[in-house]
Protein backbone atom coordinates (compact mmCIF):
# COMPACT_ATOMS: atom_id res chain seq x y z
CA UNK A 1 41.48 -48.73 -39.99
CA UNK A 2 42.23 -48.19 -44.05
CA UNK A 3 45.79 -46.98 -44.39
CA UNK A 4 45.24 -43.66 -45.13
CA UNK A 5 43.12 -42.96 -41.91
CA UNK A 6 45.97 -45.03 -39.83
CA UNK A 7 48.22 -42.35 -41.97
CA UNK A 8 46.04 -39.28 -40.81
CA UNK A 9 45.67 -40.56 -37.15
CA UNK A 10 49.51 -41.01 -37.08
CA UNK A 11 50.23 -37.27 -38.24
CA UNK A 12 47.53 -36.27 -35.41
CA UNK A 13 49.32 -37.90 -32.87
CA UNK A 14 52.66 -36.12 -34.04
CA UNK A 15 50.84 -32.83 -34.38
CA UNK A 16 50.24 -33.12 -30.54
CA UNK A 17 54.00 -32.59 -30.16
CA UNK A 18 54.20 -30.02 -32.59
CA UNK A 19 55.87 -32.02 -35.02
CA UNK A 20 55.52 -33.32 -38.85
CA UNK A 21 56.43 -36.46 -39.63
CA UNK A 22 58.06 -37.42 -43.03
CA UNK A 23 56.65 -39.88 -45.45
CA UNK A 24 59.13 -42.53 -43.71
CA UNK A 25 58.10 -42.35 -40.37
CA UNK A 26 54.67 -42.38 -41.13
CA UNK A 27 55.28 -45.60 -43.55
CA UNK A 28 57.15 -46.87 -40.48
CA UNK A 29 54.36 -46.63 -37.93
CA UNK A 30 51.54 -47.36 -40.32
CA UNK A 31 53.38 -50.80 -40.55
CA UNK A 32 53.91 -51.27 -37.33
CA UNK A 33 50.58 -50.59 -36.18
CA UNK A 34 48.47 -51.76 -38.85
CA UNK A 35 47.73 -55.26 -36.97
CA UNK A 36 45.89 -53.25 -34.38
CA UNK A 37 42.35 -52.71 -35.03
CA UNK A 38 40.21 -49.32 -34.28
CA UNK A 39 39.67 -49.65 -30.77
CA UNK A 40 43.15 -51.04 -30.24
CA UNK A 41 44.98 -47.93 -31.81
CA UNK A 42 42.81 -45.74 -30.09
CA UNK A 43 43.52 -47.03 -26.83
CA UNK A 44 47.09 -46.60 -27.64
CA UNK A 45 47.16 -43.07 -28.89
CA UNK A 46 44.88 -42.01 -25.78
CA UNK A 47 47.09 -43.73 -23.59
CA UNK A 48 50.18 -42.40 -25.10
CA UNK A 49 48.78 -38.88 -25.08
CA UNK A 50 47.67 -39.13 -21.28
CA UNK A 51 51.27 -40.12 -20.60
CA UNK A 52 52.42 -36.35 -21.31
CA UNK A 53 56.15 -36.24 -22.25
CA UNK A 54 58.01 -34.14 -24.67
CA UNK A 55 58.32 -36.63 -27.37
CA UNK A 56 56.11 -38.74 -29.46
CA UNK A 57 56.06 -42.74 -28.30
CA UNK A 58 58.12 -45.01 -30.75
CA UNK A 59 55.76 -47.33 -32.66
CA UNK A 60 56.91 -50.64 -30.58
CA UNK A 61 55.79 -48.56 -27.87
CA UNK A 62 52.28 -47.31 -29.13
CA UNK A 63 51.85 -51.13 -30.59
CA UNK A 64 52.71 -52.31 -26.89
CA UNK A 65 50.10 -49.56 -25.32
CA UNK A 66 47.45 -51.28 -27.84
CA UNK A 67 48.10 -54.50 -27.30
CA UNK A 68 48.01 -54.03 -23.29
CA UNK A 69 44.54 -54.14 -21.78
CA UNK A 70 43.50 -50.95 -20.54
CA UNK A 71 44.05 -52.17 -17.07
CA UNK A 72 47.49 -53.34 -17.17
CA UNK A 73 49.13 -51.23 -14.26
CA UNK A 74 52.72 -53.55 -14.81
CA UNK A 75 52.66 -52.54 -18.40
CA UNK A 76 52.11 -49.13 -18.09
CA UNK A 77 55.06 -48.97 -15.17
CA UNK A 78 57.21 -50.83 -17.55
CA UNK A 79 56.87 -47.99 -19.93
CA UNK A 80 56.99 -45.44 -17.27
CA UNK A 81 60.44 -47.39 -16.27
CA UNK A 82 61.57 -47.15 -19.92
CA UNK A 83 61.01 -43.80 -19.92
CA UNK A 84 62.97 -42.83 -16.88
CA UNK A 85 66.17 -44.68 -18.55
CA UNK A 86 65.86 -42.57 -21.65
CA UNK A 87 65.62 -39.49 -19.62
CA UNK A 88 68.96 -41.01 -17.17
CA UNK A 89 71.00 -42.17 -20.39
CA UNK A 90 70.99 -38.70 -21.60
CA UNK A 91 70.81 -36.86 -18.45
CA UNK A 92 68.07 -34.67 -19.07
CA UNK A 93 64.88 -34.78 -16.53
CA UNK A 94 62.47 -32.92 -19.24
CA UNK A 95 62.38 -36.43 -21.22
CA UNK A 96 60.28 -37.82 -18.25
CA UNK A 97 56.49 -37.52 -18.09
CA UNK A 98 55.15 -35.68 -15.29
CA UNK A 99 53.94 -38.76 -13.60
CA UNK A 100 56.94 -40.60 -14.20
CA UNK A 101 58.62 -37.93 -12.87
CA UNK A 102 56.59 -37.74 -9.69
CA UNK A 103 57.72 -41.50 -9.21
CA UNK A 104 61.07 -40.79 -9.81
CA UNK A 105 61.08 -37.92 -7.03
CA UNK A 106 59.81 -40.59 -4.62
CA UNK A 107 62.88 -42.96 -5.16
CA UNK A 108 65.31 -39.61 -4.20
CA UNK A 109 64.73 -37.69 -7.40
CA UNK A 110 66.49 -37.57 -10.79
CA UNK A 111 69.87 -36.57 -9.59
CA UNK A 112 70.01 -39.45 -6.87
CA UNK A 113 68.90 -42.00 -9.75
CA UNK A 114 71.16 -40.78 -11.98
CA UNK A 115 74.61 -41.44 -9.29
CA UNK A 116 73.04 -44.44 -8.51
CA UNK A 117 75.39 -47.42 -9.77
CA UNK A 118 74.14 -49.53 -12.24
CA UNK A 119 73.99 -53.05 -10.85
CA UNK A 120 72.03 -51.09 -7.52
CA UNK A 121 69.94 -49.17 -9.86
CA UNK A 122 68.71 -52.40 -12.14
CA UNK A 123 68.14 -54.41 -9.30
CA UNK A 124 66.48 -52.13 -6.69
CA UNK A 125 65.33 -48.77 -7.87
CA UNK A 126 63.69 -50.70 -10.88
CA UNK A 127 61.46 -52.95 -8.40
CA UNK A 128 60.37 -50.13 -6.41
CA UNK A 129 60.17 -47.96 -9.30
CA UNK A 130 57.71 -50.27 -11.02
CA UNK A 131 55.77 -51.25 -7.66
CA UNK A 132 55.67 -47.86 -6.88
CA UNK A 133 54.04 -47.14 -10.82
CA UNK A 134 51.84 -49.74 -10.72
CA UNK A 135 50.69 -49.14 -7.17
CA UNK A 136 50.22 -45.41 -8.50
CA UNK A 137 47.57 -47.10 -11.68
CA UNK A 138 45.91 -49.20 -9.79
CA UNK A 139 44.83 -47.75 -6.80
CA UNK A 140 44.91 -43.90 -7.50
CA UNK A 141 44.20 -43.84 -11.15
CA UNK A 142 43.07 -40.31 -10.95
CA UNK A 143 46.05 -38.99 -9.07
CA UNK A 144 47.82 -40.31 -12.04
CA UNK A 145 45.94 -38.41 -14.35
CA UNK A 146 46.21 -35.46 -12.36
CA UNK A 147 50.23 -35.86 -12.53
CA UNK A 148 49.65 -36.78 -16.58
CA UNK A 149 47.99 -33.36 -16.91
CA UNK A 150 50.04 -30.76 -16.47
CA UNK A 151 47.02 -28.19 -16.89
CA UNK A 152 44.46 -30.11 -15.21
CA UNK A 153 42.58 -28.19 -12.18
CA UNK A 154 44.27 -30.38 -9.47
CA UNK A 155 47.61 -30.18 -11.09
CA UNK A 156 47.30 -26.08 -11.15
CA UNK A 157 45.99 -26.04 -7.77
CA UNK A 158 49.48 -28.18 -7.10
CA UNK A 159 51.24 -25.33 -8.28
CA UNK A 160 49.72 -22.58 -6.26
CA UNK A 161 50.83 -24.22 -2.84
CA UNK A 162 53.42 -22.15 -1.29
CA UNK A 163 56.78 -23.28 -1.40
CA UNK A 164 58.83 -24.19 1.94
CA UNK A 165 60.34 -20.72 2.51
CA UNK A 166 57.01 -18.89 1.89
CA UNK A 167 54.98 -20.52 5.29
CA UNK A 168 58.68 -19.51 6.75
CA UNK A 169 58.73 -15.74 5.65
CA UNK A 170 55.03 -15.60 6.78
CA UNK A 171 55.63 -16.69 10.02
CA UNK A 172 58.64 -14.05 10.50
CA UNK A 173 56.50 -11.05 9.21
CA UNK A 174 53.56 -12.30 12.30
CA UNK A 175 56.41 -12.69 14.70
CA UNK A 176 57.53 -9.07 13.51
CA UNK A 177 54.10 -7.80 13.62
CA UNK A 178 53.54 -9.42 17.42
CA UNK A 179 56.56 -7.86 18.42
CA UNK A 180 56.23 -4.47 17.46
CA UNK A 181 52.52 -4.59 19.21
CA UNK A 182 53.77 -6.26 22.44
CA UNK A 183 55.19 -3.00 23.71
CA UNK A 184 52.23 -0.67 22.91
CA UNK A 185 50.05 -3.47 25.32
CA UNK A 186 52.21 -3.69 27.67
CA UNK A 187 52.49 0.13 28.23
CA UNK A 188 48.53 0.16 28.18
CA UNK A 189 48.13 -2.33 31.11
CA UNK A 190 50.99 -0.10 33.49
CA UNK A 191 48.76 3.03 33.02
C-alpha cells in the first residue's frame, strides 16, 4: 500500500473511535505498519475493530495483529491479556473490550482480579485467562464475535434476558395471585 493510502486507512481507523490523529501520530503509525502487505494490513485493522474497546490499538499491537495468522488464538489471547492489564493498571473496567471483559468475569470479575496479589495474578490468573480466551477463539469464534460486537443480534438478545431480580419478582406476583384465588375456590367447593 502506498504512503497516501496507508495514511488514509489509519485516519479511517481512528475515525471509528471518534478520533482524528495528528500528523505525528499518522507518521508514527505509517512508519510502523509500512512493512505489512495489503492483506496483512486489512487483517490487522479488521481484527482491531472486531475486538471492540474504547480506544484505538497502538501501532505495535496492529503490527502484531497483521503479522499473526487469522487463526492465531494464542496471540489474540495475549493481546486481550495486555488489554486486561492496562484496564487493571488504570482501575478502569471500561478500557476492556466486551470479549476481554467476559473472560475476566469468568475468572471472578474485574474487582477480584484487581485485588489479586501481583504474583498470583501473573502466575495463575494470567495462565487461566490466556487458556480461556484462546479456547474461546478456537472453539467458539461465533461467541467471541458476538461478545466483540455489542450491537449484534445475539448481544442485543442477551441484554433482553431478565435479571436475577425479575424472575423472583414475577414469582412473588404469581404466588400472590394464587393466594387471592384460593379462598374463592374453597368457598365454592363448600357450597
